[in-house]
């Protein structure tokens, strides 16, 4: 066991033996303890030690920017619509006049 390959082989055997023991214990626990496999009797959320803090919902800054831009564009559309109606009215009065 003085060679590096002997040490590597020893650790390979040790780790695989340890992993097998852990796997066996987990399988035994799953078979014997109903709380591991009975999903219907479990609580949806684990109870925290303290009361839950309320979630503060802040608007997305990008959405706020978009809402502001939409309001500006709607105001521009209304202004252009009024200007178009006034020009159309002026054109009709000059044409019939």
Protein backbone atom coordinates (compact mmCIF):
# COMPACT_ATOMS: atom_id res chain seq x y z
CA UNK A 1 0.00 0.00 0.00
CA UNK A 2 3.04 2.23 -0.23
CA UNK A 3 2.48 3.00 -3.93
CA UNK A 4 0.16 5.81 -4.98
CA UNK A 5 -2.00 3.34 -6.93
CA UNK A 6 -2.50 1.28 -3.79
CA UNK A 7 -3.62 4.36 -1.86
CA UNK A 8 -6.02 5.36 -4.67
CA UNK A 9 -7.45 1.85 -4.79
CA UNK A 10 -7.88 1.87 -1.00
CA UNK A 11 -9.76 5.18 -1.11
CA UNK A 12 -11.91 3.93 -3.99
CA UNK A 13 -12.93 0.90 -1.96
CA UNK A 14 -13.47 3.05 1.14
CA UNK A 15 -15.65 5.60 -0.65
CA UNK A 16 -17.73 2.98 -2.45
CA UNK A 17 -18.24 1.08 0.84
CA UNK A 18 -19.26 4.28 2.61
CA UNK A 19 -21.64 5.26 -0.21
CA UNK A 20 -23.19 1.79 -0.15
CA UNK A 21 -23.72 2.03 3.62
CA UNK A 22 -25.37 5.44 3.28
CA UNK A 23 -27.60 4.17 0.46
CA UNK A 24 -28.63 1.14 2.53
CA UNK A 25 -29.48 3.35 5.50
CA UNK A 26 -31.55 5.73 3.35
CA UNK A 27 -33.46 2.87 1.76
CA UNK A 28 -34.14 1.40 5.19
CA UNK A 29 -35.33 4.78 6.48
CA UNK A 30 -37.63 5.26 3.49
CA UNK A 31 -39.11 1.83 4.05
CA UNK A 32 -39.60 2.21 7.80
CA UNK A 33 -40.47 5.90 8.26
CA UNK A 34 -43.76 6.91 6.73
CA UNK A 35 -43.00 10.64 6.86
CA UNK A 36 -40.39 10.14 4.13
CA UNK A 37 -42.81 8.64 1.64
CA UNK A 38 -46.32 9.75 2.70
CA UNK A 39 -46.80 13.03 0.85
CA UNK A 40 -50.48 13.37 1.76
CA UNK A 41 -49.92 13.73 5.50
CA UNK A 42 -47.14 16.28 5.13
CA UNK A 43 -47.73 19.97 5.64
CA UNK A 44 -47.47 22.11 2.53
CA UNK A 45 -44.92 24.46 4.01
CA UNK A 46 -42.72 23.86 7.01
CA UNK A 47 -43.54 26.11 9.94
CA UNK A 48 -40.91 28.76 10.51
CA UNK A 49 -39.69 29.66 13.97
CA UNK A 50 -41.04 33.21 13.63
CA UNK A 51 -44.00 34.72 11.87
CA UNK A 52 -43.66 35.18 8.15
CA UNK A 53 -42.93 38.68 6.98
CA UNK A 54 -45.36 40.09 4.45
CA UNK A 55 -44.00 40.36 0.95
CA UNK A 56 -43.67 43.95 -0.18
CA UNK A 57 -44.55 44.13 -3.82
CA UNK A 58 -42.91 46.98 -5.66
CA UNK A 59 -43.73 47.73 -9.29
CA UNK A 60 -41.14 46.84 -11.87
CA UNK A 61 -39.24 50.06 -12.72
CA UNK A 62 -39.33 49.17 -16.41
CA UNK A 63 -43.13 48.88 -16.29
CA UNK A 64 -43.35 52.28 -14.58
CA UNK A 65 -41.26 53.78 -17.39
CA UNK A 66 -43.50 52.15 -19.99
CA UNK A 67 -46.68 53.41 -18.32
CA UNK A 68 -45.28 56.93 -18.30
CA UNK A 69 -44.32 56.65 -21.97
CA UNK A 70 -47.78 55.29 -22.86
CA UNK A 71 -49.43 58.26 -21.13
CA UNK A 72 -47.19 60.67 -23.08
CA UNK A 73 -47.98 58.94 -26.37
CA UNK A 74 -51.73 58.95 -25.68
CA UNK A 75 -51.57 62.68 -24.95
CA UNK A 76 -49.71 63.20 -28.24
CA UNK A 77 -52.33 61.17 -30.13
CA UNK A 78 -55.13 63.31 -28.66
CA UNK A 79 -53.28 66.52 -29.52
CA UNK A 80 -52.67 65.34 -33.11
CA UNK A 81 -56.31 64.27 -33.45
CA UNK A 82 -57.50 67.73 -32.36
CA UNK A 83 -55.06 69.37 -34.78
CA UNK A 84 -56.26 67.13 -37.63
CA UNK A 85 -59.90 67.94 -36.91
CA UNK A 86 -59.12 71.67 -36.82
CA UNK A 87 -57.23 71.48 -40.13
CA UNK A 88 -60.03 69.49 -41.71
CA UNK A 89 -62.55 72.04 -40.46
CA UNK A 90 -60.44 74.92 -41.82
CA UNK A 91 -60.09 73.15 -45.17
CA UNK A 92 -63.86 72.61 -45.38
CA UNK A 93 -64.64 76.22 -44.54
CA UNK A 94 -62.10 77.51 -47.08
CA UNK A 95 -63.31 75.09 -49.78
CA UNK A 96 -66.99 75.89 -49.34
CA UNK A 97 -66.40 79.48 -48.47
